[in-house]
């Protein structure tokens, strides 16, 4: 009797094999990268790659464009840097009056968890306000909230204003492992990035992720099937902001500074650029996009203010030549799903 092979099962097997091969290549690159490139630069790329992956979860798989993701990235960076360096919590309860809660400085892993919690709380508040709107209205609400928190960061004392929070100590992981050594720090950042990356992959390929894709394709039909789409979108939004918070907090530990540039609107634009250049709605696209954009900034730094102009020209060229992004075009040529 001839065996009948389900075409869908065959397609899924081929997709999983392609993703597994791409993931193994990524692991190999991460293993050798610090020996051929400046470890500090590679760690910075990984932080922004996680940030871009978090953003891609929202726009690539739910179809929600946020112009204010720097809010969660930057404020998580501030909170993490402050809790690691100082520890004391200051809460405003009246104009000009602050409730000061003395706490000891936190270890780096707890500082990153504090940053993740910051991203989650801010995402829950912002998402509850914006999630009921769609399209340009959703994008403008997220941008308005991000700008409001940017001006607050500029005026608040604990953020250091334009100077930011400098000299953030890397400390000891779990109170035992010193992160002063660049290779130890690199290994820690790789673990954080891979944990976030694999978590996003699991979300995307879960039943929850399939509902998100259905909402992206046709929200009205998803509603007709009985799904409460606003709840799904809010959960996806909070997951995205939480991971953006992890990325921002990790970046503060790596670079040992939390600055106002982390919350400015240009940072939100950069993560959009990374996602589009790498490949919108692809798993590995944001990683490649982050590497390309940061490498451009590093290599073109000698051109000064012309960097943004050159980036704009390259971005237009990518949009015209690589409509699906770099990874999207490669996947289309190879007929695989990445």
Protein backbone atom coordinates (compact mmCIF):
# COMPACT_ATOMS: atom_id res chain seq x y z
CA UNK A 1 0.00 0.00 0.00
CA UNK A 2 1.44 3.40 -1.02
CA UNK A 3 2.07 5.80 1.83
CA UNK A 4 0.41 9.21 1.51
CA UNK A 5 2.52 12.14 2.74
CA UNK A 6 0.70 15.19 4.05
CA UNK A 7 2.04 18.21 2.06
CA UNK A 8 1.56 20.48 5.09
CA UNK A 9 3.60 18.15 7.30
CA UNK A 10 6.33 18.01 4.64
CA UNK A 11 6.36 21.81 4.44
CA UNK A 12 6.60 22.16 8.23
CA UNK A 13 9.45 19.64 8.36
CA UNK A 14 11.34 21.57 5.69
CA UNK A 15 10.76 24.83 7.58
CA UNK A 16 11.96 23.38 10.87
CA UNK A 17 15.07 21.97 9.21
CA UNK A 18 15.89 25.35 7.64
CA UNK A 19 15.42 27.18 10.91
CA UNK A 20 17.54 24.62 12.77
CA UNK A 21 20.39 25.04 10.27
CA UNK A 22 20.16 28.84 10.48
CA UNK A 23 20.16 28.65 14.27
CA UNK A 24 23.26 26.44 14.29
CA UNK A 25 25.01 28.95 12.01
CA UNK A 26 24.01 31.72 14.42
CA UNK A 27 25.46 29.76 17.36
CA UNK A 28 28.70 29.17 15.45
CA UNK A 29 29.01 32.88 14.65
CA UNK A 30 28.37 33.84 18.28
CA UNK A 31 31.00 31.33 19.43
CA UNK A 32 33.80 32.80 17.31
CA UNK A 33 32.68 36.46 17.13
CA UNK A 34 34.56 37.79 20.21
CA UNK A 35 37.85 36.43 18.82
CA UNK A 36 37.50 38.23 15.49
CA UNK A 37 35.61 41.38 16.50
CA UNK A 38 35.62 43.79 19.42
CA UNK A 39 33.58 42.01 22.15
CA UNK A 40 31.99 45.27 23.32
CA UNK A 41 30.65 45.92 19.82
CA UNK A 42 29.29 42.38 19.46
CA UNK A 43 27.54 42.66 22.84
CA UNK A 44 25.98 45.95 21.76
CA UNK A 45 24.75 44.29 18.56
CA UNK A 46 23.17 41.47 20.57
CA UNK A 47 21.35 43.94 22.84
CA UNK A 48 19.89 45.79 19.86
CA UNK A 49 19.17 42.51 18.08
CA UNK A 50 17.00 41.43 21.03
CA UNK A 51 15.34 44.86 20.97
CA UNK A 52 14.59 44.49 17.25
CA UNK A 53 13.28 40.93 17.76
CA UNK A 54 10.93 42.22 20.46
CA UNK A 55 9.70 44.95 18.13
CA UNK A 56 9.30 42.44 15.30
CA UNK A 57 7.07 40.28 17.51
CA UNK A 58 4.62 43.19 17.59
CA UNK A 59 4.75 44.52 14.03
CA UNK A 60 5.72 41.36 12.16
CA UNK A 61 3.27 38.94 13.77
CA UNK A 62 0.46 41.16 15.08
CA UNK A 63 0.63 44.00 12.57
CA UNK A 64 0.89 46.78 15.17
CA UNK A 65 3.38 49.56 14.38
CA UNK A 66 4.73 51.23 17.51
CA UNK A 67 6.65 54.48 17.06
CA UNK A 68 7.50 54.62 20.76
CA UNK A 69 9.39 51.44 21.61
CA UNK A 70 12.33 53.51 22.84
CA UNK A 71 10.15 54.27 25.88
CA UNK A 72 10.50 50.71 27.21
CA UNK A 73 14.08 50.20 26.06
CA UNK A 74 15.31 53.48 27.55
CA UNK A 75 13.41 53.47 30.82
CA UNK A 76 14.41 49.88 31.53
CA UNK A 77 17.98 51.02 30.94
CA UNK A 78 17.56 53.86 33.45
CA UNK A 79 15.95 51.69 36.11
CA UNK A 80 18.53 48.92 35.74
CA UNK A 81 21.46 51.37 35.88
CA UNK A 82 20.01 53.18 38.88
CA UNK A 83 19.23 50.01 40.83
CA UNK A 84 22.68 48.53 40.19
CA UNK A 85 24.62 51.70 40.96
CA UNK A 86 22.53 53.31 43.72
CA UNK A 87 19.67 51.02 44.70
CA UNK A 88 17.47 53.62 46.40
CA UNK A 89 13.97 54.02 44.91
CA UNK A 90 12.46 57.51 44.64
CA UNK A 91 8.71 57.65 43.90
CA UNK A 92 6.98 61.01 43.15
CA UNK A 93 3.71 61.33 45.08
CA UNK A 94 3.20 65.10 44.83
CA UNK A 95 4.64 67.83 42.56
CA UNK A 96 8.16 68.38 43.87
CA UNK A 97 7.80 65.74 46.61
CA UNK A 98 9.38 62.25 46.47
CA UNK A 99 8.99 59.14 48.60
CA UNK A 100 12.49 57.70 49.10
CA UNK A 101 12.80 53.96 49.78
CA UNK A 102 16.38 53.01 50.72
CA UNK A 103 17.55 49.75 49.16
CA UNK A 104 21.01 48.25 48.64
CA UNK A 105 22.40 48.20 45.09
CA UNK A 106 21.22 45.17 43.14
CA UNK A 107 23.29 42.50 41.40
CA UNK A 108 23.29 42.64 37.56
CA UNK A 109 20.77 39.83 37.05
CA UNK A 110 18.33 41.48 39.48
CA UNK A 111 18.92 44.84 37.79
CA UNK A 112 17.99 43.30 34.43
CA UNK A 113 14.88 41.75 35.99
CA UNK A 114 13.97 45.20 37.33
CA UNK A 115 14.38 46.55 33.80
CA UNK A 116 12.16 43.79 32.42
CA UNK A 117 9.51 44.57 35.03
CA UNK A 118 9.73 48.26 34.09
CA UNK A 119 9.12 47.40 30.44
CA UNK A 120 6.17 45.18 31.39
CA UNK A 121 4.48 47.79 33.61
CA UNK A 122 4.97 50.63 31.13
CA UNK A 123 3.81 48.34 28.33
CA UNK A 124 0.67 47.40 30.25
CA UNK A 125 -0.20 51.06 30.86
CA UNK A 126 0.62 52.23 27.34
CA UNK A 127 -0.98 49.18 25.73
CA UNK A 128 -4.20 49.62 27.66
CA UNK A 129 -4.46 53.14 26.26
CA UNK A 130 -3.37 52.46 22.69
CA UNK A 131 -4.50 48.93 21.87
CA UNK A 132 -8.08 49.87 21.04
CA UNK A 133 -6.87 52.03 18.16
CA UNK A 134 -5.49 50.78 14.87
CA UNK A 135 -3.16 51.93 12.13
CA UNK A 136 -1.75 55.43 12.31
CA UNK A 137 -3.79 56.25 15.44
CA UNK A 138 -2.12 53.43 17.37
CA UNK A 139 1.31 54.54 16.14
CA UNK A 140 0.69 58.18 17.10
CA UNK A 141 -0.49 57.27 20.60
CA UNK A 142 2.64 55.21 21.23
CA UNK A 143 4.80 58.07 19.90
CA UNK A 144 3.01 60.63 22.10
CA UNK A 145 3.49 58.50 25.23
CA UNK A 146 7.15 57.96 24.40
CA UNK A 147 7.72 61.69 23.91
CA UNK A 148 6.00 62.46 27.20
CA UNK A 149 8.27 60.06 29.06
CA UNK A 150 11.30 61.41 27.17
CA UNK A 151 10.69 64.91 28.56
CA UNK A 152 10.14 63.43 32.01
CA UNK A 153 13.48 61.61 31.74
CA UNK A 154 15.11 64.88 30.71
CA UNK A 155 13.84 66.65 33.84
CA UNK A 156 13.97 63.89 36.48
CA UNK A 157 16.91 63.98 38.88
CA UNK A 158 17.60 60.26 39.15
CA UNK A 159 18.11 59.92 35.37
CA UNK A 160 20.94 62.46 35.35
CA UNK A 161 19.27 64.55 32.64
CA UNK A 162 21.45 64.95 29.56
CA UNK A 163 24.42 63.35 31.36
CA UNK A 164 22.54 60.11 32.05
CA UNK A 165 23.66 57.56 34.64
CA UNK A 166 27.34 56.90 34.09
CA UNK A 167 29.81 54.49 35.59
CA UNK A 168 27.33 51.66 36.06
CA UNK A 169 29.22 48.77 37.74
CA UNK A 170 28.90 45.37 36.12
CA UNK A 171 29.20 43.69 39.51
CA UNK A 172 29.07 39.97 40.12
CA UNK A 173 26.53 37.60 38.63
CA UNK A 174 24.60 35.88 41.45
CA UNK A 175 27.20 37.43 43.76
CA UNK A 176 29.80 34.92 42.56
CA UNK A 177 30.87 35.47 38.93
CA UNK A 178 32.57 38.78 38.17
CA UNK A 179 31.44 40.40 34.92
CA UNK A 180 34.49 42.66 34.76
CA UNK A 181 36.13 40.25 32.33
CA UNK A 182 34.87 41.05 28.78
CA UNK A 183 34.57 37.40 27.75
CA UNK A 184 32.56 36.50 30.85
CA UNK A 185 30.34 39.47 30.17
CA UNK A 186 30.02 38.35 26.55
CA UNK A 187 28.93 34.85 27.57
CA UNK A 188 26.29 36.33 29.87
CA UNK A 189 24.93 38.61 27.11
CA UNK A 190 24.80 35.67 24.67
CA UNK A 191 22.74 33.67 27.18
CA UNK A 192 20.34 36.58 27.69
CA UNK A 193 19.98 37.11 23.94
CA UNK A 194 19.43 33.42 23.17
CA UNK A 195 16.88 33.11 25.98
CA UNK A 196 14.90 36.05 24.58
CA UNK A 197 15.29 34.87 20.99
CA UNK A 198 14.11 31.32 21.74
CA UNK A 199 11.24 32.63 23.83
CA UNK A 200 10.05 34.74 20.89
CA UNK A 201 10.40 31.73 18.59
CA UNK A 202 8.29 29.64 20.97
CA UNK A 203 5.61 32.33 21.18
CA UNK A 204 5.44 32.67 17.40
CA UNK A 205 5.00 28.90 16.88
CA UNK A 206 2.53 28.36 19.71
CA UNK A 207 -1.30 28.34 19.41
CA UNK A 208 -1.17 31.86 20.87
CA UNK A 209 1.16 32.90 18.06
CA UNK A 210 -1.18 31.41 15.44
CA UNK A 211 -4.01 33.56 16.81
CA UNK A 212 -1.75 36.62 16.57
CA UNK A 213 -1.06 35.84 12.91
CA UNK A 214 -4.79 35.42 12.31
CA UNK A 215 -5.40 38.84 13.86
CA UNK A 216 -2.72 40.33 11.62
CA UNK A 217 -4.26 38.81 8.50
CA UNK A 218 -7.93 39.47 9.25
CA UNK A 219 -8.94 40.75 12.67
CA UNK A 220 -12.65 40.83 11.82
CA UNK A 221 -12.61 37.12 10.99
CA UNK A 222 -10.71 36.35 14.22
CA UNK A 223 -13.39 38.22 16.16
CA UNK A 224 -16.11 36.28 14.36
CA UNK A 225 -14.44 33.04 15.50
CA UNK A 226 -14.83 34.15 19.11
CA UNK A 227 -11.35 35.44 19.91
CA UNK A 228 -11.11 38.53 22.10
CA UNK A 229 -8.54 40.20 19.89
CA UNK A 230 -7.89 43.19 22.16
CA UNK A 231 -6.72 40.86 24.92
CA UNK A 232 -4.42 38.96 22.57
CA UNK A 233 -2.96 42.20 21.22
CA UNK A 234 -2.43 43.56 24.72
CA UNK A 235 -0.61 40.40 25.84
CA UNK A 236 1.57 40.52 22.72
CA UNK A 237 2.27 44.22 23.35
CA UNK A 238 3.32 43.56 26.95
CA UNK A 239 5.53 40.63 25.89
CA UNK A 240 7.19 42.88 23.33
CA UNK A 241 7.79 45.71 25.80
CA UNK A 242 9.08 43.30 28.46
CA UNK A 243 11.69 41.91 26.07
CA UNK A 244 12.55 45.44 24.97
CA UNK A 245 13.09 46.17 28.66
CA UNK A 246 15.42 43.18 28.98
CA UNK A 247 17.40 44.47 25.98
CA UNK A 248 17.64 47.99 27.40
CA UNK A 249 18.67 46.80 30.84
CA UNK A 250 21.31 44.47 29.41
CA UNK A 251 22.63 47.32 27.25
CA UNK A 252 23.02 49.49 30.38
CA UNK A 253 25.17 46.80 32.01
CA UNK A 254 27.22 46.23 28.85
CA UNK A 255 27.89 49.88 28.04
CA UNK A 256 27.92 50.89 31.74
CA UNK A 257 25.74 53.91 31.00
CA UNK A 258 22.07 54.80 30.60
CA UNK A 259 21.69 57.93 28.50
CA UNK A 260 18.96 60.18 27.16
CA UNK A 261 19.67 58.83 23.66
CA UNK A 262 18.04 55.56 24.74
CA UNK A 263 14.61 57.18 25.11
CA UNK A 264 14.69 59.73 22.28
CA UNK A 265 12.36 59.18 19.30
CA UNK A 266 15.30 58.46 16.96
CA UNK A 267 15.87 55.23 18.88
CA UNK A 268 12.34 54.13 18.00
CA UNK A 269 13.12 54.94 14.38
CA UNK A 270 16.32 52.89 14.47
CA UNK A 271 14.57 49.74 15.66
CA UNK A 272 12.02 50.15 12.85
CA UNK A 273 14.92 50.48 10.42
CA UNK A 274 16.65 47.37 11.79
CA UNK A 275 13.51 45.29 11.43
CA UNK A 276 12.70 46.44 7.90
CA UNK A 277 16.25 46.06 6.61
CA UNK A 278 16.62 42.59 8.12
CA UNK A 279 13.22 41.32 7.14
CA UNK A 280 9.81 42.10 8.60
CA UNK A 281 8.01 39.04 9.97
CA UNK A 282 11.10 36.81 9.81
CA UNK A 283 12.76 35.23 12.82
CA UNK A 284 16.37 36.02 11.98
CA UNK A 285 15.74 39.27 10.10
CA UNK A 286 15.94 41.65 13.09
CA UNK A 287 19.27 40.08 14.14
CA UNK A 288 20.80 40.71 10.71
CA UNK A 289 19.22 44.17 10.57
CA UNK A 290 20.72 45.16 13.93
CA UNK A 291 24.14 43.97 12.81
CA UNK A 292 23.92 45.89 9.51
CA UNK A 293 22.72 49.18 11.04
CA UNK A 294 25.22 49.19 13.93
CA UNK A 295 28.08 48.21 11.62
CA UNK A 296 27.14 51.11 9.34
CA UNK A 297 27.14 53.51 12.28
CA UNK A 298 30.51 52.23 13.41
CA UNK A 299 32.17 52.26 10.00
CA UNK A 300 30.63 55.56 8.88
CA UNK A 301 31.28 57.45 12.13
CA UNK A 302 34.04 59.46 10.43
CA UNK A 303 31.44 61.15 8.21
CA UNK A 304 29.84 62.89 11.21
CA UNK A 305 26.31 64.16 10.59
CA UNK A 306 26.34 62.68 7.08
CA UNK A 307 25.86 59.24 8.65
CA UNK A 308 22.08 59.68 8.77
CA UNK A 309 22.00 60.80 5.12
CA UNK A 310 24.06 57.80 4.03
CA UNK A 311 21.89 55.50 6.12
CA UNK A 312 18.81 56.97 4.46
CA UNK A 313 20.20 56.31 0.98
CA UNK A 314 21.11 52.73 1.91
CA UNK A 315 17.68 52.21 3.46
CA UNK A 316 15.95 53.42 0.28
CA UNK A 317 18.18 51.09 -1.76
CA UNK A 318 17.27 48.16 0.51
CA UNK A 319 13.57 48.92 0.19
CA UNK A 320 13.82 49.07 -3.60
CA UNK A 321 16.12 46.06 -4.07
CA UNK A 322 15.12 43.90 -1.08
CA UNK A 323 11.38 44.36 -0.67
CA UNK A 324 11.23 41.54 1.87
CA UNK A 325 14.40 42.60 3.70
CA UNK A 326 17.76 40.85 3.55
CA UNK A 327 16.67 37.63 5.25
CA UNK A 328 13.29 37.70 3.53
CA UNK A 329 14.90 37.85 0.08
CA UNK A 330 17.38 35.08 0.93
CA UNK A 331 14.54 32.90 2.23
CA UNK A 332 12.53 33.57 -0.93
CA UNK A 333 15.45 32.61 -3.18
CA UNK A 334 16.10 29.41 -1.22
CA UNK A 335 12.35 28.72 -0.92
CA UNK A 336 12.59 28.35 2.85
CA UNK A 337 11.01 30.01 5.86
CA UNK A 338 13.43 31.97 8.07
